[in-house]
N, C-alpha and C. Protein backbone atom coordinates (compact mmCIF):
# COMPACT_ATOMS: atom_id res chain seq x y z
N MET A 1 52.23 -73.54 -133.02
CA MET A 1 51.07 -72.80 -133.67
C MET A 1 51.57 -73.07 -135.39
N ASN A 2 50.56 -72.86 -136.18
CA ASN A 2 51.15 -72.66 -137.80
C ASN A 2 51.65 -71.21 -137.96
N ASN A 3 52.55 -71.10 -138.51
CA ASN A 3 52.97 -69.79 -139.03
C ASN A 3 52.11 -69.16 -140.20
N ARG A 4 51.43 -67.73 -139.97
CA ARG A 4 50.71 -67.34 -140.75
C ARG A 4 51.02 -66.26 -141.79
N PHE A 5 52.46 -66.32 -141.57
CA PHE A 5 53.03 -65.49 -142.43
C PHE A 5 53.98 -66.16 -143.45
N SER A 6 53.99 -65.80 -144.80
CA SER A 6 54.38 -65.95 -146.07
C SER A 6 55.83 -66.34 -145.93
N THR A 7 56.16 -67.15 -146.28
CA THR A 7 57.94 -67.70 -146.76
C THR A 7 58.17 -67.78 -147.61
N CYS A 8 59.25 -67.37 -148.06
CA CYS A 8 59.94 -67.25 -149.20
C CYS A 8 61.62 -67.90 -149.31
N SER A 9 61.36 -69.02 -150.45
CA SER A 9 62.52 -69.74 -150.68
C SER A 9 63.00 -69.29 -152.16
N GLN A 10 64.52 -68.92 -151.36
CA GLN A 10 65.32 -68.63 -152.42
C GLN A 10 65.94 -69.80 -153.69
N PRO A 11 66.07 -69.97 -154.74
CA PRO A 11 66.83 -70.80 -155.41
C PRO A 11 68.44 -70.54 -155.31
N THR A 12 69.46 -71.87 -154.60
CA THR A 12 70.33 -71.88 -154.31
C THR A 12 71.34 -71.39 -155.81
N GLU A 13 71.16 -72.07 -156.68
CA GLU A 13 71.85 -71.14 -157.95
C GLU A 13 72.14 -69.73 -157.89
N ILE A 14 71.18 -69.04 -157.60
CA ILE A 14 71.11 -67.60 -157.44
C ILE A 14 71.83 -67.11 -156.59
N TYR A 15 71.06 -67.89 -155.26
CA TYR A 15 71.92 -67.37 -154.03
C TYR A 15 72.84 -68.51 -153.47
N PRO A 16 74.05 -68.53 -154.17
CA PRO A 16 74.80 -69.55 -153.40
C PRO A 16 75.46 -69.80 -152.08
N ALA A 17 75.32 -68.44 -151.74
CA ALA A 17 75.87 -68.82 -150.14
C ALA A 17 74.35 -69.12 -149.14
N LEU A 18 73.68 -69.41 -149.70
CA LEU A 18 72.33 -70.28 -148.63
C LEU A 18 72.81 -71.81 -149.03
N SER A 19 73.25 -71.91 -149.90
CA SER A 19 74.01 -73.61 -149.75
C SER A 19 74.91 -74.34 -149.03
N ARG A 20 75.59 -72.92 -148.56
CA ARG A 20 76.45 -73.33 -147.27
C ARG A 20 76.27 -72.88 -146.22
N PRO A 21 76.67 -73.72 -144.80
CA PRO A 21 76.21 -73.36 -143.81
C PRO A 21 77.36 -72.08 -143.21
N ALA A 22 76.10 -71.00 -142.13
CA ALA A 22 76.90 -69.76 -141.94
C ALA A 22 77.94 -70.47 -140.80
N VAL A 23 78.84 -69.64 -140.06
CA VAL A 23 79.59 -69.53 -139.20
C VAL A 23 78.92 -70.20 -138.20
N GLY A 24 79.27 -71.24 -137.63
CA GLY A 24 78.47 -71.83 -136.37
C GLY A 24 78.06 -72.77 -136.86
N GLY A 25 77.61 -72.94 -138.11
CA GLY A 25 76.73 -74.21 -138.53
C GLY A 25 75.21 -73.55 -138.45
N ARG A 26 74.93 -72.41 -138.59
CA ARG A 26 73.79 -71.76 -138.44
C ARG A 26 73.28 -70.90 -139.79
N ARG A 27 72.29 -71.00 -140.63
CA ARG A 27 71.81 -70.63 -141.81
C ARG A 27 71.61 -69.02 -141.48
N GLY A 28 71.36 -68.83 -140.21
CA GLY A 28 70.85 -67.19 -140.20
C GLY A 28 69.42 -67.40 -139.19
N VAL A 29 68.89 -66.39 -138.63
CA VAL A 29 67.70 -66.32 -138.22
C VAL A 29 66.55 -65.35 -138.66
N LYS A 30 65.81 -66.16 -139.32
CA LYS A 30 64.65 -65.44 -139.61
C LYS A 30 63.94 -63.97 -139.07
N PRO A 31 63.73 -63.02 -139.07
CA PRO A 31 63.29 -61.76 -138.48
C PRO A 31 61.81 -62.42 -137.84
N SER A 32 61.17 -62.30 -136.90
CA SER A 32 59.61 -62.40 -136.84
C SER A 32 59.14 -60.85 -136.15
N PRO A 33 57.90 -61.15 -136.36
CA PRO A 33 57.04 -59.69 -135.77
C PRO A 33 57.04 -60.09 -134.18
N ARG A 34 57.03 -58.43 -134.05
CA ARG A 34 56.72 -58.05 -132.60
C ARG A 34 55.62 -58.46 -132.00
N ARG A 35 55.41 -59.40 -131.14
CA ARG A 35 53.94 -59.91 -130.35
C ARG A 35 53.94 -58.89 -128.67
N TRP A 36 52.81 -58.68 -128.88
CA TRP A 36 52.21 -57.29 -127.72
C TRP A 36 51.84 -58.64 -126.62
N THR A 37 52.12 -57.85 -125.35
CA THR A 37 50.93 -58.26 -124.28
C THR A 37 50.15 -57.76 -124.19
N ARG A 38 49.39 -58.24 -122.76
CA ARG A 38 47.85 -57.85 -122.79
C ARG A 38 48.48 -56.36 -121.87
N GLY A 39 49.46 -56.40 -121.28
CA GLY A 39 50.05 -55.40 -120.46
C GLY A 39 50.49 -53.90 -121.08
N GLU A 40 50.99 -54.58 -122.08
CA GLU A 40 51.71 -53.59 -122.84
C GLU A 40 50.88 -53.12 -123.73
N TYR A 41 49.43 -53.60 -124.18
CA TYR A 41 48.55 -52.82 -124.77
C TYR A 41 47.79 -52.55 -123.98
N TYR A 42 47.49 -52.51 -122.83
CA TYR A 42 46.94 -51.40 -121.99
C TYR A 42 47.45 -50.35 -121.93
N LYS A 43 48.86 -50.33 -121.73
CA LYS A 43 50.15 -49.12 -121.45
C LYS A 43 49.88 -48.07 -122.96
N MET A 44 49.27 -48.96 -123.86
CA MET A 44 49.41 -48.06 -125.33
C MET A 44 48.38 -47.42 -125.17
N ALA A 45 47.02 -48.07 -125.14
CA ALA A 45 45.46 -46.90 -124.46
C ALA A 45 46.13 -46.15 -123.46
N GLU A 46 46.33 -45.96 -122.51
CA GLU A 46 46.52 -44.99 -121.20
C GLU A 46 47.80 -44.02 -122.08
N MET A 47 48.36 -44.52 -122.78
CA MET A 47 49.49 -43.26 -123.49
C MET A 47 48.80 -42.98 -124.27
N GLY A 48 47.68 -43.30 -124.97
CA GLY A 48 46.52 -42.67 -126.00
C GLY A 48 47.23 -42.91 -127.31
N ILE A 49 47.72 -44.23 -127.27
CA ILE A 49 48.32 -44.21 -128.89
C ILE A 49 46.96 -44.65 -129.89
N PHE A 50 46.15 -45.14 -129.59
CA PHE A 50 45.10 -45.22 -130.50
C PHE A 50 44.46 -44.35 -130.52
N ALA A 51 43.71 -43.90 -131.90
CA ALA A 51 42.89 -43.06 -131.78
C ALA A 51 42.00 -42.73 -130.84
N PRO A 52 41.02 -41.63 -131.04
CA PRO A 52 39.68 -41.72 -130.14
C PRO A 52 38.63 -42.83 -130.76
N ASN A 53 37.74 -43.25 -130.04
CA ASN A 53 36.86 -44.12 -130.41
C ASN A 53 37.30 -45.43 -131.87
N GLU A 54 38.86 -45.16 -132.00
CA GLU A 54 39.43 -46.42 -132.44
C GLU A 54 38.82 -48.20 -132.05
N ARG A 55 38.72 -49.00 -133.08
CA ARG A 55 38.38 -50.49 -132.27
C ARG A 55 39.25 -51.04 -132.91
N VAL A 56 40.06 -51.68 -131.67
CA VAL A 56 41.09 -52.46 -131.75
C VAL A 56 41.11 -53.73 -130.87
N GLU A 57 41.71 -54.80 -131.34
CA GLU A 57 41.90 -56.22 -130.24
C GLU A 57 42.59 -56.60 -130.22
N LEU A 58 43.49 -57.44 -129.54
CA LEU A 58 44.56 -57.74 -128.88
C LEU A 58 44.49 -59.50 -129.19
N ILE A 59 44.76 -60.09 -130.41
CA ILE A 59 44.65 -61.41 -130.97
C ILE A 59 45.91 -62.29 -131.09
N GLU A 60 46.27 -62.92 -130.01
CA GLU A 60 47.57 -63.88 -129.84
C GLU A 60 49.09 -62.62 -130.12
N GLY A 61 48.85 -61.32 -129.83
CA GLY A 61 49.85 -60.38 -129.82
C GLY A 61 49.67 -59.86 -130.67
N GLU A 62 48.93 -59.53 -131.80
CA GLU A 62 48.83 -58.92 -132.40
C GLU A 62 48.02 -57.85 -131.96
N ILE A 63 47.79 -56.32 -132.67
CA ILE A 63 46.69 -55.44 -132.27
C ILE A 63 46.09 -55.12 -133.96
N LEU A 64 44.74 -55.51 -133.64
CA LEU A 64 44.33 -55.42 -135.10
C LEU A 64 43.24 -54.86 -135.19
N GLN A 65 43.16 -53.61 -135.88
CA GLN A 65 41.91 -52.49 -136.34
C GLN A 65 40.90 -53.28 -136.70
N MET A 66 39.70 -53.36 -135.94
CA MET A 66 38.51 -53.70 -136.79
C MET A 66 37.72 -52.48 -137.52
N PRO A 67 37.36 -53.05 -138.80
CA PRO A 67 36.48 -52.11 -139.46
C PRO A 67 34.84 -51.88 -138.78
N PRO A 68 35.33 -50.55 -139.36
CA PRO A 68 33.62 -49.83 -138.35
C PRO A 68 32.25 -50.28 -138.67
N GLN A 69 31.13 -50.43 -137.96
CA GLN A 69 30.20 -51.10 -138.27
C GLN A 69 29.28 -50.16 -138.91
N ASN A 70 28.42 -50.63 -139.94
CA ASN A 70 27.76 -50.57 -140.75
C ASN A 70 26.05 -50.77 -140.17
N PRO A 71 25.04 -49.98 -140.32
CA PRO A 71 23.77 -50.21 -139.53
C PRO A 71 23.29 -52.09 -139.42
N SER A 72 23.30 -52.48 -140.32
CA SER A 72 23.37 -53.86 -140.39
C SER A 72 23.97 -54.79 -138.86
N HIS A 73 25.24 -54.64 -138.92
CA HIS A 73 25.99 -55.02 -137.98
C HIS A 73 25.56 -54.79 -136.64
N SER A 74 25.54 -53.32 -136.85
CA SER A 74 25.21 -52.66 -135.01
C SER A 74 23.78 -53.21 -134.70
N THR A 75 22.77 -53.07 -135.85
CA THR A 75 21.44 -53.42 -135.22
C THR A 75 21.97 -55.24 -134.97
N GLY A 76 22.24 -55.86 -136.02
CA GLY A 76 22.65 -57.41 -135.51
C GLY A 76 22.89 -57.33 -133.90
N ILE A 77 23.91 -57.02 -133.34
CA ILE A 77 24.32 -56.70 -132.22
C ILE A 77 22.76 -56.88 -131.29
N ARG A 78 22.46 -55.99 -131.25
CA ARG A 78 21.42 -55.48 -130.68
C ARG A 78 20.64 -56.36 -130.38
N THR A 79 19.80 -56.80 -132.05
CA THR A 79 19.06 -58.22 -132.22
C THR A 79 19.51 -59.33 -130.97
N ILE A 80 20.57 -59.51 -131.14
CA ILE A 80 21.29 -61.01 -130.59
C ILE A 80 21.15 -60.22 -128.52
N GLN A 81 21.70 -59.34 -129.07
CA GLN A 81 22.15 -59.08 -127.10
C GLN A 81 20.22 -58.97 -126.53
N GLU A 82 19.72 -58.75 -126.93
CA GLU A 82 17.79 -58.23 -126.49
C GLU A 82 17.46 -60.06 -126.61
N THR A 83 17.67 -60.57 -127.63
CA THR A 83 16.96 -62.20 -127.59
C THR A 83 17.34 -62.77 -126.32
N LEU A 84 18.90 -62.86 -126.66
CA LEU A 84 19.82 -64.02 -125.73
C LEU A 84 19.91 -63.54 -124.67
N ARG A 85 19.22 -62.43 -123.71
CA ARG A 85 19.03 -61.27 -122.58
C ARG A 85 17.60 -61.95 -121.90
N ILE A 86 16.67 -62.24 -122.68
CA ILE A 86 15.48 -62.40 -122.37
C ILE A 86 15.39 -64.44 -122.38
N ALA A 87 16.35 -65.11 -123.02
CA ALA A 87 16.15 -66.69 -123.33
C ALA A 87 16.96 -66.65 -122.19
N PHE A 88 18.00 -66.37 -121.76
CA PHE A 88 19.07 -66.69 -120.71
C PHE A 88 18.55 -66.24 -119.11
N GLY A 89 17.92 -65.17 -119.28
CA GLY A 89 17.11 -64.55 -118.05
C GLY A 89 18.35 -64.36 -116.89
N PRO A 90 17.51 -64.16 -115.58
CA PRO A 90 19.05 -63.87 -114.48
C PRO A 90 19.86 -64.94 -114.21
N GLY A 91 20.87 -64.53 -113.82
CA GLY A 91 22.09 -65.60 -113.32
C GLY A 91 23.26 -64.99 -114.48
N PHE A 92 22.61 -64.75 -115.60
CA PHE A 92 23.23 -64.51 -116.67
C PHE A 92 23.98 -63.23 -117.49
N ASP A 93 24.94 -62.62 -117.86
CA ASP A 93 25.55 -61.32 -117.81
C ASP A 93 25.53 -61.22 -119.51
N VAL A 94 24.70 -60.77 -120.08
CA VAL A 94 24.99 -60.73 -121.89
C VAL A 94 25.90 -59.48 -122.09
N ARG A 95 27.34 -59.68 -122.69
CA ARG A 95 28.07 -58.63 -122.33
C ARG A 95 28.04 -58.37 -123.87
N PRO A 96 27.95 -57.03 -124.07
CA PRO A 96 28.15 -56.74 -125.86
C PRO A 96 29.47 -55.91 -126.22
N GLN A 97 30.17 -56.52 -127.18
CA GLN A 97 31.66 -56.07 -127.31
C GLN A 97 32.37 -55.37 -126.14
N LEU A 98 32.27 -56.24 -125.29
CA LEU A 98 33.54 -56.09 -124.00
C LEU A 98 34.23 -56.97 -123.81
N PRO A 99 35.50 -56.48 -123.31
CA PRO A 99 36.48 -57.71 -123.52
C PRO A 99 36.38 -59.00 -122.89
N LEU A 100 37.24 -59.96 -123.28
CA LEU A 100 37.27 -61.02 -122.73
C LEU A 100 39.33 -61.88 -122.54
N LEU A 101 39.37 -61.89 -121.49
CA LEU A 101 40.31 -62.40 -120.92
C LEU A 101 41.00 -63.58 -121.67
N LEU A 102 41.66 -64.36 -122.90
CA LEU A 102 41.74 -65.49 -122.72
C LEU A 102 43.39 -65.71 -122.62
N ASN A 103 44.33 -65.15 -122.63
CA ASN A 103 45.42 -65.44 -122.04
C ASN A 103 46.15 -64.41 -122.20
N ILE A 104 47.12 -64.29 -121.79
CA ILE A 104 48.54 -62.90 -121.71
C ILE A 104 48.65 -62.46 -123.51
N ALA A 105 48.08 -62.50 -124.45
CA ALA A 105 48.15 -62.42 -125.54
C ALA A 105 47.08 -61.82 -126.27
N SER A 106 46.17 -62.43 -125.69
CA SER A 106 44.52 -62.19 -126.20
C SER A 106 43.48 -61.58 -125.40
N GLU A 107 42.96 -60.88 -126.23
CA GLU A 107 41.66 -59.98 -125.51
C GLU A 107 40.92 -59.66 -126.49
N PRO A 108 39.77 -60.62 -126.93
CA PRO A 108 38.81 -60.19 -127.92
C PRO A 108 37.79 -59.49 -127.40
N GLU A 109 37.07 -58.81 -128.11
CA GLU A 109 36.05 -58.28 -127.67
C GLU A 109 34.35 -58.55 -128.53
N PRO A 110 34.50 -59.76 -128.17
CA PRO A 110 33.07 -60.55 -129.01
C PRO A 110 31.69 -59.64 -129.27
N ASP A 111 31.06 -60.14 -130.13
CA ASP A 111 30.16 -58.55 -130.18
C ASP A 111 29.06 -59.14 -129.18
N ILE A 112 29.05 -60.21 -128.81
CA ILE A 112 28.29 -60.60 -127.86
C ILE A 112 29.10 -61.83 -126.99
N ALA A 113 29.03 -61.78 -125.56
CA ALA A 113 29.55 -62.85 -124.83
C ALA A 113 28.76 -63.00 -123.68
N ILE A 114 28.28 -64.09 -123.45
CA ILE A 114 27.25 -64.85 -122.34
C ILE A 114 28.40 -65.35 -121.10
N VAL A 115 28.53 -64.76 -120.06
CA VAL A 115 28.72 -65.48 -118.95
C VAL A 115 27.80 -65.09 -117.62
N ARG A 116 28.03 -66.29 -116.71
CA ARG A 116 27.39 -66.33 -115.62
C ARG A 116 27.69 -64.80 -114.45
N GLY A 117 26.75 -64.77 -113.59
CA GLY A 117 26.41 -63.95 -112.74
C GLY A 117 25.92 -62.44 -113.33
N SER A 118 26.34 -61.89 -112.72
CA SER A 118 25.93 -60.22 -112.77
C SER A 118 27.29 -59.27 -113.16
N PHE A 119 26.69 -58.50 -113.76
CA PHE A 119 27.56 -57.41 -114.93
C PHE A 119 28.52 -56.65 -113.43
N ARG A 120 27.95 -56.63 -112.33
CA ARG A 120 28.79 -56.33 -111.19
C ARG A 120 29.68 -57.38 -110.87
N ASP A 121 30.03 -58.43 -111.20
CA ASP A 121 31.11 -59.47 -111.04
C ASP A 121 32.16 -59.07 -111.22
N TYR A 122 31.72 -58.72 -112.30
CA TYR A 122 33.54 -58.11 -113.19
C TYR A 122 34.07 -56.56 -112.99
N ARG A 123 33.82 -55.85 -112.47
CA ARG A 123 33.61 -54.36 -111.71
C ARG A 123 35.61 -54.76 -111.61
N THR A 124 36.17 -55.64 -111.08
CA THR A 124 37.72 -55.63 -110.71
C THR A 124 38.25 -56.13 -111.78
N ALA A 125 38.02 -57.11 -112.49
CA ALA A 125 38.34 -58.07 -113.63
C ALA A 125 37.68 -58.83 -115.06
N HIS A 126 38.13 -58.80 -115.98
CA HIS A 126 37.02 -59.10 -116.83
C HIS A 126 36.73 -60.22 -116.72
N PRO A 127 35.89 -61.24 -117.26
CA PRO A 127 35.82 -62.50 -117.36
C PRO A 127 37.17 -63.32 -118.55
N ARG A 128 37.23 -64.30 -117.79
CA ARG A 128 38.41 -65.13 -118.45
C ARG A 128 37.39 -66.54 -119.34
N MET A 129 35.99 -66.57 -118.99
CA MET A 129 35.46 -67.51 -119.88
C MET A 129 34.24 -67.65 -120.21
N ALA A 130 33.69 -68.11 -121.27
CA ALA A 130 32.31 -67.70 -121.29
C ALA A 130 31.72 -68.84 -122.13
N LEU A 131 29.84 -69.03 -121.67
CA LEU A 131 29.46 -69.76 -122.15
C LEU A 131 28.83 -70.03 -123.50
N LEU A 132 29.01 -69.03 -123.90
CA LEU A 132 28.42 -68.44 -125.58
C LEU A 132 29.44 -67.36 -125.52
N VAL A 133 29.81 -67.54 -127.20
CA VAL A 133 30.37 -66.21 -128.00
C VAL A 133 29.75 -66.14 -129.04
N VAL A 134 29.52 -64.93 -129.32
CA VAL A 134 28.61 -64.89 -130.55
C VAL A 134 29.23 -63.61 -131.38
N GLU A 135 29.66 -64.01 -132.83
CA GLU A 135 30.14 -62.55 -133.74
C GLU A 135 29.22 -62.62 -134.84
N VAL A 136 28.62 -61.80 -135.07
CA VAL A 136 27.37 -60.98 -136.14
C VAL A 136 28.72 -60.72 -137.35
N SER A 137 29.05 -61.00 -138.77
CA SER A 137 29.62 -60.70 -139.16
C SER A 137 29.07 -60.98 -140.65
N ASP A 138 29.92 -60.11 -141.48
CA ASP A 138 29.73 -59.61 -142.98
C ASP A 138 31.21 -59.16 -143.68
N THR A 139 31.36 -58.37 -142.92
CA THR A 139 33.30 -57.94 -144.08
C THR A 139 33.72 -58.60 -142.71
N THR A 140 33.53 -59.16 -142.03
CA THR A 140 34.92 -60.08 -141.30
C THR A 140 34.77 -61.54 -141.43
N LEU A 141 33.48 -61.86 -142.06
CA LEU A 141 33.05 -63.50 -142.36
C LEU A 141 34.33 -64.37 -142.15
N ALA A 142 35.10 -64.29 -143.11
CA ALA A 142 36.45 -65.39 -143.00
C ALA A 142 37.16 -65.49 -141.95
N PHE A 143 37.35 -64.27 -141.18
CA PHE A 143 38.27 -64.05 -140.28
C PHE A 143 37.46 -64.41 -139.24
N ASP A 144 36.19 -64.34 -139.20
CA ASP A 144 35.50 -64.96 -137.77
C ASP A 144 35.57 -66.65 -137.97
N ARG A 145 35.58 -66.99 -139.17
CA ARG A 145 35.38 -68.44 -139.43
C ARG A 145 36.76 -69.21 -138.88
N CYS A 146 37.93 -68.61 -139.19
CA CYS A 146 39.23 -69.12 -138.75
C CYS A 146 39.66 -68.53 -137.95
N GLU A 147 40.58 -67.61 -137.80
CA GLU A 147 41.05 -66.83 -136.13
C GLU A 147 40.23 -67.22 -135.34
N LYS A 148 39.04 -66.74 -135.56
CA LYS A 148 38.30 -66.00 -134.53
C LYS A 148 37.50 -67.50 -133.65
N ALA A 149 37.41 -68.49 -134.97
CA ALA A 149 37.25 -69.60 -134.12
C ALA A 149 37.90 -70.63 -133.48
N SER A 150 39.02 -70.88 -133.95
CA SER A 150 40.63 -70.84 -133.81
C SER A 150 40.81 -70.40 -131.96
N LEU A 151 40.77 -69.34 -132.00
CA LEU A 151 41.04 -68.73 -130.89
C LEU A 151 39.80 -69.39 -129.45
N TYR A 152 38.67 -68.95 -130.03
CA TYR A 152 37.76 -68.88 -128.39
C TYR A 152 37.80 -70.79 -128.32
N ALA A 153 37.99 -71.81 -130.11
CA ALA A 153 37.95 -73.40 -129.21
C ALA A 153 39.38 -73.65 -128.43
N ARG A 154 40.25 -72.98 -128.82
CA ARG A 154 41.57 -73.20 -127.88
C ARG A 154 41.45 -72.81 -126.50
N ALA A 155 40.45 -71.80 -126.16
CA ALA A 155 40.34 -71.06 -124.83
C ALA A 155 39.07 -72.03 -124.49
N ASP A 156 38.90 -72.89 -125.04
CA ASP A 156 37.57 -74.44 -124.34
C ASP A 156 36.40 -73.42 -124.34
N ILE A 157 35.86 -72.37 -125.39
CA ILE A 157 34.73 -71.89 -125.56
C ILE A 157 34.00 -72.81 -126.15
N GLN A 158 32.94 -74.22 -125.39
CA GLN A 158 32.25 -74.61 -125.93
C GLN A 158 31.05 -74.35 -127.31
N GLU A 159 30.92 -72.96 -127.21
CA GLU A 159 29.83 -72.75 -127.76
C GLU A 159 30.30 -71.69 -128.71
N TYR A 160 30.28 -71.24 -130.21
CA TYR A 160 30.44 -70.36 -130.75
C TYR A 160 29.46 -70.23 -131.47
N TRP A 161 28.64 -69.05 -131.94
CA TRP A 161 27.86 -68.53 -133.00
C TRP A 161 28.47 -67.22 -133.87
N ILE A 162 28.29 -67.77 -135.22
CA ILE A 162 28.36 -66.64 -135.96
C ILE A 162 26.78 -65.85 -136.86
N VAL A 163 26.66 -65.05 -136.08
CA VAL A 163 25.27 -64.88 -137.51
C VAL A 163 26.05 -64.10 -138.36
N ASN A 164 25.93 -64.71 -139.64
CA ASN A 164 26.23 -64.28 -141.26
C ASN A 164 25.15 -63.71 -141.98
N LEU A 165 25.80 -62.14 -141.47
CA LEU A 165 24.54 -61.13 -142.41
C LEU A 165 24.55 -61.60 -143.84
N LEU A 166 25.50 -61.94 -144.72
CA LEU A 166 25.44 -62.21 -145.72
C LEU A 166 24.56 -63.27 -146.60
N GLU A 167 24.29 -64.40 -145.71
CA GLU A 167 23.34 -65.37 -146.23
C GLU A 167 22.54 -65.56 -145.40
N ARG A 168 22.19 -64.62 -144.27
CA ARG A 168 21.21 -64.23 -143.39
C ARG A 168 20.77 -66.23 -143.02
N VAL A 169 21.70 -66.68 -142.10
CA VAL A 169 21.93 -67.61 -141.06
C VAL A 169 22.71 -67.86 -140.08
N ILE A 170 22.36 -68.66 -139.17
CA ILE A 170 23.72 -68.88 -138.02
C ILE A 170 24.42 -69.70 -137.98
N GLU A 171 25.84 -69.96 -137.87
CA GLU A 171 26.77 -71.11 -138.09
C GLU A 171 27.00 -71.42 -136.59
N VAL A 172 26.48 -72.18 -136.15
CA VAL A 172 26.97 -73.07 -134.87
C VAL A 172 28.11 -73.81 -134.86
N HIS A 173 29.23 -73.34 -134.15
CA HIS A 173 30.34 -74.03 -133.66
C HIS A 173 30.36 -74.64 -132.13
N ARG A 174 30.55 -76.26 -132.30
CA ARG A 174 30.31 -76.69 -130.71
C ARG A 174 31.37 -78.08 -131.04
N GLU A 175 31.53 -77.98 -129.60
CA GLU A 175 33.04 -79.30 -129.47
C GLU A 175 34.27 -78.68 -129.76
N ALA A 176 34.79 -78.22 -128.95
CA ALA A 176 36.01 -77.49 -129.13
C ALA A 176 37.41 -78.87 -129.29
N ARG A 177 38.24 -78.56 -130.27
CA ARG A 177 39.44 -79.75 -130.38
C ARG A 177 40.07 -79.31 -130.75
N PRO A 178 41.77 -80.18 -130.72
CA PRO A 178 42.68 -79.82 -130.99
C PRO A 178 42.77 -79.89 -132.62
N ASP A 179 42.65 -78.90 -133.59
CA ASP A 179 43.00 -79.15 -134.83
C ASP A 179 44.36 -78.84 -135.94
N PRO A 180 45.30 -79.13 -136.28
CA PRO A 180 46.26 -78.64 -136.59
C PRO A 180 46.29 -77.77 -137.87
N ASP A 181 45.05 -78.11 -138.50
CA ASP A 181 45.04 -77.03 -139.56
C ASP A 181 44.37 -75.68 -139.40
N MET A 182 44.38 -75.20 -137.99
CA MET A 182 43.70 -73.91 -138.04
C MET A 182 44.60 -73.26 -136.99
N PRO A 183 44.28 -71.85 -137.27
CA PRO A 183 45.68 -70.90 -137.21
C PRO A 183 46.30 -71.09 -135.66
N PHE A 184 45.37 -71.49 -134.62
CA PHE A 184 46.19 -71.50 -133.41
C PHE A 184 45.93 -72.96 -133.16
N ASP A 185 45.58 -73.44 -133.88
CA ASP A 185 46.11 -75.26 -133.25
C ASP A 185 44.45 -75.95 -132.84
N TYR A 186 43.74 -75.29 -132.58
CA TYR A 186 42.48 -75.69 -132.32
C TYR A 186 41.26 -75.36 -133.05
N GLY A 187 40.33 -75.98 -132.91
CA GLY A 187 39.16 -76.00 -133.94
C GLY A 187 37.59 -76.78 -133.13
N TYR A 188 36.59 -76.16 -134.04
CA TYR A 188 35.31 -77.05 -133.34
C TYR A 188 35.35 -78.45 -134.54
N ALA A 189 34.85 -79.65 -133.95
CA ALA A 189 34.72 -80.66 -134.09
C ALA A 189 33.12 -80.64 -135.11
N ARG A 190 32.11 -79.75 -134.43
CA ARG A 190 30.64 -79.86 -135.01
C ARG A 190 30.17 -78.34 -135.35
N ILE A 191 30.17 -77.97 -136.68
CA ILE A 191 29.50 -76.83 -137.24
C ILE A 191 28.26 -76.74 -138.46
N THR A 192 27.30 -76.37 -137.79
CA THR A 192 25.90 -76.50 -138.23
C THR A 192 25.60 -75.05 -138.86
N CYS A 193 24.59 -75.05 -139.61
CA CYS A 193 24.06 -73.93 -140.77
C CYS A 193 22.52 -73.80 -140.18
N HIS A 194 22.17 -73.05 -139.52
CA HIS A 194 20.73 -72.68 -139.53
C HIS A 194 19.94 -71.51 -139.83
N ASP A 195 18.55 -71.66 -140.62
CA ASP A 195 18.40 -70.52 -141.54
C ASP A 195 16.98 -70.59 -140.71
N ALA A 196 15.98 -69.31 -141.26
CA ALA A 196 14.61 -68.77 -140.78
C ALA A 196 14.05 -69.80 -140.51
N GLY A 197 14.08 -70.74 -141.08
CA GLY A 197 12.98 -72.11 -140.49
C GLY A 197 13.39 -72.82 -139.29
N ASP A 198 14.84 -72.77 -138.68
CA ASP A 198 15.05 -73.61 -137.58
C ASP A 198 14.78 -72.70 -136.33
N THR A 199 14.90 -73.37 -135.20
CA THR A 199 15.30 -72.90 -133.92
C THR A 199 16.67 -73.41 -132.78
N LEU A 200 16.91 -72.64 -132.52
CA LEU A 200 18.08 -72.86 -131.72
C LEU A 200 18.17 -73.38 -130.13
N SER A 201 18.79 -74.13 -129.24
CA SER A 201 18.33 -73.96 -127.94
C SER A 201 20.37 -74.08 -127.55
N PRO A 202 20.81 -73.11 -127.06
CA PRO A 202 22.00 -72.91 -126.68
C PRO A 202 22.75 -74.47 -125.28
N LEU A 203 23.63 -74.45 -125.59
CA LEU A 203 24.15 -75.79 -124.67
C LEU A 203 24.11 -75.03 -123.35
N ALA A 204 24.28 -73.96 -122.62
CA ALA A 204 24.11 -73.65 -121.16
C ALA A 204 22.42 -73.36 -120.91
N ALA A 205 21.53 -73.40 -122.09
CA ALA A 205 20.36 -73.26 -121.66
C ALA A 205 19.22 -74.06 -122.71
N PRO A 206 19.55 -75.48 -122.25
CA PRO A 206 19.35 -76.60 -123.78
C PRO A 206 17.71 -76.55 -123.34
N ASN A 207 16.96 -75.84 -122.50
CA ASN A 207 15.05 -76.03 -122.37
C ASN A 207 15.07 -74.71 -123.20
N VAL A 208 15.71 -73.77 -123.58
CA VAL A 208 15.18 -72.72 -124.50
C VAL A 208 15.23 -72.99 -125.98
N LYS A 209 14.14 -72.70 -126.34
CA LYS A 209 14.18 -72.98 -127.85
C LYS A 209 14.09 -71.01 -128.50
N ILE A 210 14.92 -71.05 -129.28
CA ILE A 210 15.11 -69.45 -130.04
C ILE A 210 14.99 -69.66 -131.63
N PRO A 211 13.96 -69.00 -132.04
CA PRO A 211 13.74 -69.34 -133.59
C PRO A 211 14.46 -68.10 -134.15
N VAL A 212 15.73 -68.64 -135.37
CA VAL A 212 16.73 -67.95 -135.80
C VAL A 212 15.64 -66.64 -136.46
N THR A 213 14.72 -66.74 -136.97
CA THR A 213 14.50 -65.31 -137.19
C THR A 213 14.40 -64.29 -135.96
N GLU A 214 14.59 -64.74 -135.04
CA GLU A 214 14.66 -63.83 -133.85
C GLU A 214 16.20 -63.23 -133.83
N LEU A 215 17.01 -63.77 -134.20
CA LEU A 215 18.40 -63.52 -133.72
C LEU A 215 18.76 -63.11 -134.89
N LEU A 216 18.10 -62.85 -136.61
CA LEU A 216 18.55 -62.20 -137.34
C LEU A 216 17.94 -60.85 -137.93
N PRO A 217 18.96 -59.85 -137.58
CA PRO A 217 18.26 -58.44 -137.60
C PRO A 217 17.20 -57.80 -138.30
């Protein structure tokens, strides 16, 4: 995995000890951030560590505080939810901002996730895979394009949409593949952008044609 934390190199003429091997041939150990597991994350929630109604997500061991939703963002989520519920029909659950278990250290809550079955199928465990994941994005656009895209690609989610509220377009990410330039070493091979004059057909529902205008708030 690429190191997302900045490094600091010090000139050896100012710190001459850095030019000499430490005892035992080691130059020392660099401190690293404490990563959390999903079990520890759950325990924190049970203990009331997070504030009431605080929006947090576990992403690769980091607990991230998500920004509050403005009216456009919340309307965007409801727009996508209702449009995709009709488009996919029975046999699929359209889940708004609910957990997706990707690995022991990641439990994102995408704005929308399409999974097979009924919501009752997940009463004892959250789903571990989605056919389509959607993020409605304004203030978090860079994060959704980078970290979130890499996270979903590594989980082998083959289709990921970003509803870009700033430019009023849908960014479609497909074909997950290894990509060492992305934060978690995975990304998408095909990224296309669709505006109000286009229609979209999800990979999991290829016969459905959805006007982009119906996906925008």
